[in-house]
């Protein structure tokens, strides 16, 4: 396969491409593994193209071992076309671009969806990458419409974007929502309308105030009073307990505050990201291979299930965070990301070719308390893993 010649614009907005110091030297063995793994990923996704029904998106694996799919309204619908864009960028094989465009045609209508907070995942992952790679301005208008739809869920009294419209919650906000702020920051840069970035910053500030414990672990859900903005409750939904540290939630927070620093250069967000990173990496329940248990407080550690998706998200975030900190911390974050990626590239977590319903990684945990997507591949684990491998290739000395 051809080497990617386009890494200079890969994963940071053009306005923010600065000469950040490299945080760590390249590990030649890992660089070789990254290439081999990306080539494997391309072969897997070539197979997946032939197995996913034309009107659906791949999501995970069902309990009977069959492929689990979703429609465009499910929150993960943007990851598969987004991963295809990354693989196109790496291989320059038009099959990946064509597959991305085919699946984006299904997702495009979600730009008008005002009933979800996940439009960043759903729209920015595929359409943001499409705009960056192709420069086709048709994607710009779709993304601006998406940002407008997302902004309708913002309550200025609470200072947050509402996450869910279901359940007994009054105004639930989940830590995952930090990931959707990138779309809003982009919309202000593109449109000149500051309201989008103002919403993003307000949401990030409110979340920083109410979602984190003194050790910088995060609650999963904070339920607010929509009339007063007061906190009604701090709960979990996908984690072990209200007081526990659900591992993917910690990774969402790490990535979310890292991207907020990238977009705003506000050092409060950088400090928050560093604190979250230190909680993750210094956690006494972090396994030696740095692939987290599904919850850092799971009672059956060291036999608890791992969540590979948490490692994928954290690895990608740590690589970026390493570029914004001092040399000592930067090297520590870089080395941790290297160790995560080395583990994920190993047979313990990497699927065998033609297996795993054509997903790249095994052993993620979606929603264990609900017995949903337990110890299976997940489409977003693949997305952030491919992103992390490409970032490593781009940024390694």
Protein backbone atom coordinates (compact mmCIF):
# COMPACT_ATOMS: atom_id res chain seq x y z
CA UNK A 1 0.00 0.00 0.00
CA UNK A 2 1.08 3.55 -0.61
CA UNK A 3 2.44 5.56 2.23
CA UNK A 4 0.14 8.39 3.26
CA UNK A 5 1.42 11.70 1.88
CA UNK A 6 -1.21 13.82 3.55
CA UNK A 7 -0.40 13.58 7.25
CA UNK A 8 0.47 17.28 7.52
CA UNK A 9 -3.22 18.13 7.61
CA UNK A 10 -4.49 14.99 9.19
CA UNK A 11 -5.85 15.62 12.61
CA UNK A 12 -5.62 19.25 13.62
CA UNK A 13 -7.60 22.15 12.19
CA UNK A 14 -5.59 24.21 9.72
CA UNK A 15 -5.81 27.33 11.86
CA UNK A 16 -4.09 25.53 14.71
CA UNK A 17 -1.20 23.90 12.88
CA UNK A 18 1.70 25.19 14.95
CA UNK A 19 5.18 23.90 15.64
CA UNK A 20 4.46 21.93 18.79
CA UNK A 21 7.44 20.12 20.23
CA UNK A 22 7.53 16.41 19.63
CA UNK A 23 6.81 14.67 22.90
CA UNK A 24 8.64 11.44 22.23
CA UNK A 25 10.83 9.60 19.81
CA UNK A 26 9.32 7.10 17.42
CA UNK A 27 9.47 3.47 18.39
CA UNK A 28 10.54 1.82 15.16
CA UNK A 29 8.88 -1.45 16.08
CA UNK A 30 5.61 0.33 16.78
CA UNK A 31 5.83 2.30 13.53
CA UNK A 32 6.18 -0.98 11.68
CA UNK A 33 3.27 -2.43 13.66
CA UNK A 34 1.19 0.66 12.90
CA UNK A 35 1.69 0.21 9.17
CA UNK A 36 0.99 -3.51 9.32
CA UNK A 37 -2.11 -2.91 11.41
CA UNK A 38 -3.43 -0.18 9.15
CA UNK A 39 -2.96 -2.46 6.16
CA UNK A 40 -4.80 -5.19 8.05
CA UNK A 41 -7.55 -2.69 8.92
CA UNK A 42 -7.91 -1.83 5.25
CA UNK A 43 -8.32 -5.51 4.35
CA UNK A 44 -10.89 -6.01 7.11
CA UNK A 45 -12.94 -3.01 6.01
CA UNK A 46 -12.79 -4.17 2.39
CA UNK A 47 -14.52 -7.32 3.64
CA UNK A 48 -16.97 -5.32 5.74
CA UNK A 49 -18.07 -3.37 2.67
CA UNK A 50 -19.39 -6.61 1.20
CA UNK A 51 -21.20 -7.73 4.34
CA UNK A 52 -23.06 -4.65 5.60
CA UNK A 53 -26.57 -4.22 4.12
CA UNK A 54 -26.75 -1.22 1.83
CA UNK A 55 -29.22 0.71 3.99
CA UNK A 56 -27.53 0.16 7.36
CA UNK A 57 -24.34 0.93 9.32
CA UNK A 58 -22.15 -1.56 11.22
CA UNK A 59 -22.36 -1.22 14.99
CA UNK A 60 -21.12 -4.33 16.85
CA UNK A 61 -21.72 -8.07 17.19
CA UNK A 62 -24.98 -9.64 18.35
CA UNK A 63 -25.12 -12.25 21.11
CA UNK A 64 -25.49 -14.97 18.47
CA UNK A 65 -22.28 -13.81 16.80
CA UNK A 66 -23.92 -12.10 13.83
CA UNK A 67 -23.22 -8.54 12.71
CA UNK A 68 -25.13 -5.91 14.66
CA UNK A 69 -26.16 -2.94 12.53
CA UNK A 70 -27.93 0.36 13.10
CA UNK A 71 -29.87 2.92 11.16
CA UNK A 72 -28.61 6.46 10.68
CA UNK A 73 -30.33 7.72 13.83
CA UNK A 74 -28.20 5.62 16.18
CA UNK A 75 -25.41 7.62 17.82
CA UNK A 76 -22.61 5.54 16.28
CA UNK A 77 -23.74 5.95 12.66
CA UNK A 78 -20.92 8.32 11.70
CA UNK A 79 -17.97 6.19 12.79
CA UNK A 80 -17.96 3.67 9.95
CA UNK A 81 -17.90 6.26 7.16
CA UNK A 82 -15.39 8.25 9.23
CA UNK A 83 -13.07 5.25 9.50
CA UNK A 84 -13.35 4.74 5.75
CA UNK A 85 -12.16 8.32 5.23
CA UNK A 86 -9.13 7.64 7.43
CA UNK A 87 -8.38 4.46 5.49
CA UNK A 88 -8.76 6.33 2.21
CA UNK A 89 -6.33 8.93 3.47
CA UNK A 90 -3.84 6.22 4.37
CA UNK A 91 -4.19 4.02 1.27
CA UNK A 92 -5.52 6.44 -1.39
CA UNK A 93 -7.67 3.50 -2.49
CA UNK A 94 -10.88 4.97 -3.97
CA UNK A 95 -12.89 2.02 -2.64
CA UNK A 96 -12.76 3.58 0.84
CA UNK A 97 -13.84 6.98 -0.41
CA UNK A 98 -16.72 5.41 -2.33
CA UNK A 99 -17.81 3.43 0.70
CA UNK A 100 -17.66 6.53 2.90
CA UNK A 101 -19.80 8.47 0.43
CA UNK A 102 -22.28 5.61 0.15
CA UNK A 103 -22.82 5.45 3.91
CA UNK A 104 -22.78 9.23 4.37
CA UNK A 105 -25.78 9.39 2.05
CA UNK A 106 -27.67 7.45 4.73
CA UNK A 107 -26.50 9.71 7.57
CA UNK A 108 -26.91 13.07 5.84
CA UNK A 109 -30.52 13.60 6.94
CA UNK A 110 -29.43 13.53 10.58
CA UNK A 111 -28.19 17.10 10.18
CA UNK A 112 -31.75 18.12 11.05
CA UNK A 113 -32.00 15.87 14.10
CA UNK A 114 -32.64 17.97 17.21
CA UNK A 115 -33.37 14.96 19.43
CA UNK A 116 -29.76 13.90 20.00
CA UNK A 117 -26.64 15.43 21.50
CA UNK A 118 -24.45 13.12 19.42
CA UNK A 119 -24.34 15.10 16.19
CA UNK A 120 -20.63 15.64 16.66
CA UNK A 121 -20.05 11.90 16.47
CA UNK A 122 -22.67 11.34 13.80
CA UNK A 123 -21.86 14.24 11.49
CA UNK A 124 -18.40 15.65 12.23
CA UNK A 125 -16.57 12.32 12.09
CA UNK A 126 -17.69 11.54 8.50
CA UNK A 127 -18.53 14.96 7.07
CA UNK A 128 -15.72 16.80 8.83
CA UNK A 129 -13.18 14.36 7.45
CA UNK A 130 -14.83 14.54 4.03
CA UNK A 131 -14.56 18.32 3.99
CA UNK A 132 -10.96 18.26 5.17
CA UNK A 133 -9.87 15.70 2.60
CA UNK A 134 -11.93 16.67 -0.47
CA UNK A 135 -12.43 20.42 0.17
CA UNK A 136 -15.97 19.99 -1.19
CA UNK A 137 -17.89 22.92 0.32
CA UNK A 138 -21.18 21.04 0.12
CA UNK A 139 -20.12 19.37 3.36
CA UNK A 140 -19.69 22.76 5.00
CA UNK A 141 -23.39 23.57 4.80
CA UNK A 142 -24.34 20.13 6.12
CA UNK A 143 -22.06 20.61 9.11
CA UNK A 144 -23.33 24.11 9.82
CA UNK A 145 -26.89 22.81 9.80
CA UNK A 146 -25.78 20.04 12.16
CA UNK A 147 -24.24 22.59 14.53
CA UNK A 148 -27.45 24.61 14.49
CA UNK A 149 -29.47 21.50 15.31
CA UNK A 150 -27.14 20.63 18.17
CA UNK A 151 -27.29 24.16 19.55
CA UNK A 152 -31.06 23.88 20.04
CA UNK A 153 -30.41 21.48 22.91
CA UNK A 154 -28.51 24.10 24.91
CA UNK A 155 -30.15 25.51 28.02
CA UNK A 156 -28.46 28.76 29.12
CA UNK A 157 -29.82 28.44 32.66
CA UNK A 158 -28.14 25.07 33.08
CA UNK A 159 -25.18 26.03 30.92
CA UNK A 160 -25.16 22.70 29.11
CA UNK A 161 -26.44 20.80 26.10
CA UNK A 162 -29.07 18.25 27.11
CA UNK A 163 -27.95 14.70 26.43
CA UNK A 164 -31.11 12.59 26.59
CA UNK A 165 -34.83 13.06 26.20
CA UNK A 166 -35.70 9.71 27.79
CA UNK A 167 -35.92 8.28 31.28
CA UNK A 168 -36.82 9.95 34.56
CA UNK A 169 -34.09 12.55 34.23
CA UNK A 170 -34.97 16.25 34.23
CA UNK A 171 -31.95 17.54 32.27
CA UNK A 172 -29.30 14.81 31.98
CA UNK A 173 -25.80 15.64 30.78
CA UNK A 174 -23.28 12.84 30.20
CA UNK A 175 -19.52 13.16 30.06
CA UNK A 176 -19.62 11.76 26.51
CA UNK A 177 -21.14 15.07 25.40
CA UNK A 178 -17.72 16.74 25.62
CA UNK A 179 -16.86 15.00 22.36
CA UNK A 180 -19.59 16.82 20.45
CA UNK A 181 -18.24 20.30 21.20
CA UNK A 182 -15.68 20.08 18.39
CA UNK A 183 -18.48 20.53 15.85
CA UNK A 184 -19.59 23.74 17.56
CA UNK A 185 -16.08 25.18 17.71
CA UNK A 186 -15.64 24.42 14.03
CA UNK A 187 -18.97 26.09 13.21
CA UNK A 188 -17.88 29.37 14.79
CA UNK A 189 -14.59 29.33 12.89
CA UNK A 190 -16.40 28.67 9.63
CA UNK A 191 -19.44 30.91 10.02
CA UNK A 192 -18.13 33.70 12.21
CA UNK A 193 -21.15 33.22 14.49
CA UNK A 194 -19.70 33.14 18.00
CA UNK A 195 -22.79 31.55 19.55
CA UNK A 196 -21.61 28.04 18.69
CA UNK A 197 -18.23 28.40 20.40
CA UNK A 198 -19.88 30.22 23.32
CA UNK A 199 -22.15 27.22 23.83
CA UNK A 200 -19.18 24.86 23.66
CA UNK A 201 -17.19 26.82 26.23
CA UNK A 202 -20.14 27.23 28.57
CA UNK A 203 -20.89 23.51 28.38
CA UNK A 204 -17.24 22.63 29.00
CA UNK A 205 -17.03 25.02 31.97
CA UNK A 206 -20.24 23.74 33.54
CA UNK A 207 -19.12 20.16 33.08
CA UNK A 208 -15.73 20.95 34.60
CA UNK A 209 -17.48 22.38 37.64
CA UNK A 210 -20.04 19.64 38.28
CA UNK A 211 -18.91 16.41 36.63
CA UNK A 212 -15.59 15.80 38.38
CA UNK A 213 -14.61 14.52 41.78
CA UNK A 214 -11.58 15.87 43.71
CA UNK A 215 -9.38 13.14 42.17
CA UNK A 216 -10.52 14.23 38.67
CA UNK A 217 -12.47 11.08 38.01
CA UNK A 218 -15.79 11.78 36.34
CA UNK A 219 -19.39 10.95 37.05
CA UNK A 220 -21.16 9.59 34.00
CA UNK A 221 -24.44 11.54 34.32
CA UNK A 222 -25.24 14.81 36.02
CA UNK A 223 -28.94 15.59 36.16
CA UNK A 224 -29.78 19.30 36.40
CA UNK A 225 -32.92 21.25 37.21
CA UNK A 226 -33.69 22.92 33.87
CA UNK A 227 -35.46 25.81 35.59
CA UNK A 228 -32.69 26.74 38.04
CA UNK A 229 -29.53 25.01 36.81
CA UNK A 230 -29.09 23.29 40.18
CA UNK A 231 -27.65 19.78 40.27
CA UNK A 232 -30.33 17.24 41.11
CA UNK A 233 -28.17 14.14 41.11
CA UNK A 234 -24.85 12.66 40.01
CA UNK A 235 -25.34 9.14 38.66
CA UNK A 236 -24.02 6.47 36.36
CA UNK A 237 -25.77 4.76 33.49
CA UNK A 238 -23.17 2.56 31.84
CA UNK A 239 -20.71 2.33 34.72
CA UNK A 240 -20.62 0.08 37.78
CA UNK A 241 -22.03 2.55 40.30
CA UNK A 242 -22.75 6.23 40.80
CA UNK A 243 -19.47 6.55 42.71
CA UNK A 244 -17.30 4.51 40.33
CA UNK A 245 -15.01 5.56 37.48
CA UNK A 246 -16.42 4.13 34.25
CA UNK A 247 -13.34 3.82 32.06
CA UNK A 248 -14.70 5.05 28.73
CA UNK A 249 -16.20 8.06 30.50
CA UNK A 250 -12.75 9.01 31.74
CA UNK A 251 -11.44 8.70 28.18
CA UNK A 252 -14.23 10.86 26.77
CA UNK A 253 -13.37 13.54 29.30
CA UNK A 254 -9.65 13.37 28.51
CA UNK A 255 -10.24 13.68 24.78
CA UNK A 256 -12.93 16.34 25.18
CA UNK A 257 -10.82 18.74 27.25
CA UNK A 258 -7.80 18.15 25.04
CA UNK A 259 -9.79 19.21 21.98
CA UNK A 260 -11.21 22.18 23.86
CA UNK A 261 -7.67 23.35 24.57
CA UNK A 262 -6.73 22.82 20.94
CA UNK A 263 -9.68 24.90 19.78
CA UNK A 264 -9.53 27.70 22.38
CA UNK A 265 -5.96 27.70 23.78
CA UNK A 266 -7.57 28.21 27.21
CA UNK A 267 -5.09 26.75 29.69
CA UNK A 268 -7.89 25.78 32.09
CA UNK A 269 -8.86 23.08 29.61
CA UNK A 270 -5.27 21.93 29.27
CA UNK A 271 -4.95 21.61 33.04
CA UNK A 272 -8.22 19.69 33.20
CA UNK A 273 -7.04 17.28 30.50
CA UNK A 274 -3.73 16.77 32.33
CA UNK A 275 -5.51 16.01 35.60
CA UNK A 276 -7.77 13.47 33.89
CA UNK A 277 -4.79 11.87 32.16
CA UNK A 278 -2.99 11.58 35.49
CA UNK A 279 -6.04 9.98 37.12
CA UNK A 280 -6.13 7.39 34.33
CA UNK A 281 -2.42 6.64 34.20
CA UNK A 282 -1.84 6.66 37.97
CA UNK A 283 -4.91 4.57 38.75
CA UNK A 284 -3.91 1.58 40.89
CA UNK A 285 -6.39 -0.54 38.93
CA UNK A 286 -4.90 0.24 35.53
CA UNK A 287 -3.58 -3.03 34.07
CA UNK A 288 0.06 -3.32 33.08
CA UNK A 289 -0.77 -3.27 29.36
CA UNK A 290 -2.76 0.00 29.82
CA UNK A 291 -5.96 -1.42 28.33
CA UNK A 292 -8.45 -0.43 31.05
CA UNK A 293 -10.97 -2.60 32.78
CA UNK A 294 -14.50 -1.56 31.80
CA UNK A 295 -14.76 0.26 35.14
CA UNK A 296 -11.77 1.17 37.30
CA UNK A 297 -13.75 0.07 40.37
CA UNK A 298 -15.05 -3.24 39.01
CA UNK A 299 -15.22 -5.72 41.93
CA UNK A 300 -13.75 -8.65 39.96
CA UNK A 301 -10.45 -6.98 39.02
CA UNK A 302 -8.06 -8.46 37.81
CA UNK A 303 -10.58 -10.74 36.07
CA UNK A 304 -12.90 -7.92 35.01
CA UNK A 305 -13.61 -7.35 31.34
CA UNK A 306 -11.41 -4.89 29.48
CA UNK A 307 -12.82 -2.04 27.41
CA UNK A 308 -10.69 -1.67 24.31
CA UNK A 309 -12.75 1.34 23.20
CA UNK A 310 -11.59 3.22 26.31
CA UNK A 311 -7.98 2.47 25.38
CA UNK A 312 -8.48 3.59 21.76
CA UNK A 313 -10.02 6.92 22.75
CA UNK A 314 -7.43 7.52 25.48
CA UNK A 315 -4.48 6.64 23.24
CA UNK A 316 -5.55 9.10 20.57
CA UNK A 317 -6.13 11.80 23.18
CA UNK A 318 -2.82 11.19 24.97
CA UNK A 319 -0.87 11.52 21.73
CA UNK A 320 -2.38 14.94 21.16
CA UNK A 321 -2.12 16.03 24.79
CA UNK A 322 1.58 15.14 24.79
CA UNK A 323 2.18 17.91 22.26
CA UNK A 324 0.72 20.65 24.45
CA UNK A 325 2.48 20.01 27.76
CA UNK A 326 5.99 20.36 29.14
CA UNK A 327 8.66 17.93 28.00
CA UNK A 328 8.49 15.68 31.05
CA UNK A 329 4.72 15.25 31.05
CA UNK A 330 4.62 15.13 27.28
CA UNK A 331 7.02 12.21 27.21
CA UNK A 332 4.99 10.41 29.87
CA UNK A 333 1.74 10.79 27.93
CA UNK A 334 3.44 9.85 24.67
CA UNK A 335 4.97 6.72 26.19
CA UNK A 336 1.65 5.69 27.68
CA UNK A 337 -0.05 6.06 24.32
CA UNK A 338 2.69 3.99 22.73
CA UNK A 339 2.13 1.24 25.27
CA UNK A 340 -1.63 1.30 24.68
CA UNK A 341 -1.17 1.08 20.92
CA UNK A 342 1.39 -1.70 21.23
CA UNK A 343 -1.11 -3.66 23.31
CA UNK A 344 -3.97 -2.99 20.91
CA UNK A 345 -1.82 -4.13 17.97
CA UNK A 346 -1.19 -7.45 19.70
CA UNK A 347 -3.13 -10.71 19.18
CA UNK A 348 -4.78 -10.17 22.57
CA UNK A 349 -6.96 -7.42 21.12
CA UNK A 350 -6.47 -7.36 17.35
CA UNK A 351 -8.86 -9.58 15.42
CA UNK A 352 -7.81 -12.29 13.03
CA UNK A 353 -8.31 -11.49 9.38
CA UNK A 354 -11.79 -12.36 8.13
CA UNK A 355 -13.13 -12.80 11.67
CA UNK A 356 -14.77 -10.53 14.29
CA UNK A 357 -17.49 -9.49 11.79
CA UNK A 358 -14.72 -7.62 9.96
CA UNK A 359 -14.11 -5.18 12.82
CA UNK A 360 -10.49 -4.45 13.68
CA UNK A 361 -10.48 -4.76 17.46
CA UNK A 362 -12.01 -7.23 19.90
CA UNK A 363 -13.02 -6.95 23.57
CA UNK A 364 -14.88 -3.70 24.03
CA UNK A 365 -17.72 -3.16 26.49
CA UNK A 366 -20.64 -0.95 25.53
CA UNK A 367 -23.20 -1.12 28.37
CA UNK A 368 -22.48 -3.90 30.82
CA UNK A 369 -25.20 -3.05 33.39
CA UNK A 370 -27.75 -3.40 30.58
CA UNK A 371 -26.00 -6.54 29.29
CA UNK A 372 -25.65 -4.80 25.93
CA UNK A 373 -22.54 -4.99 23.71
CA UNK A 374 -20.46 -6.88 26.26
CA UNK A 375 -17.00 -8.14 25.21
CA UNK A 376 -17.57 -7.41 21.53
CA UNK A 377 -16.15 -5.18 18.80
CA UNK A 378 -17.48 -1.63 18.65
CA UNK A 379 -17.40 0.67 15.63
CA UNK A 380 -16.04 3.60 17.62
CA UNK A 381 -13.21 1.53 19.08
CA UNK A 382 -12.07 0.98 15.48
CA UNK A 383 -12.47 4.67 14.58
CA UNK A 384 -10.33 6.04 17.40
CA UNK A 385 -7.79 3.21 17.03
CA UNK A 386 -7.22 4.03 13.35
CA UNK A 387 -7.09 7.72 14.25
CA UNK A 388 -4.49 7.03 16.95
CA UNK A 389 -2.32 4.95 14.60
CA UNK A 390 -2.39 7.72 12.00
CA UNK A 391 -1.57 10.34 14.61
CA UNK A 392 1.36 8.26 15.77
CA UNK A 393 2.71 8.00 12.24
CA UNK A 394 2.21 11.70 11.71
CA UNK A 395 3.74 12.98 14.93
CA UNK A 396 6.49 10.46 15.70
CA UNK A 397 10.04 11.68 15.17
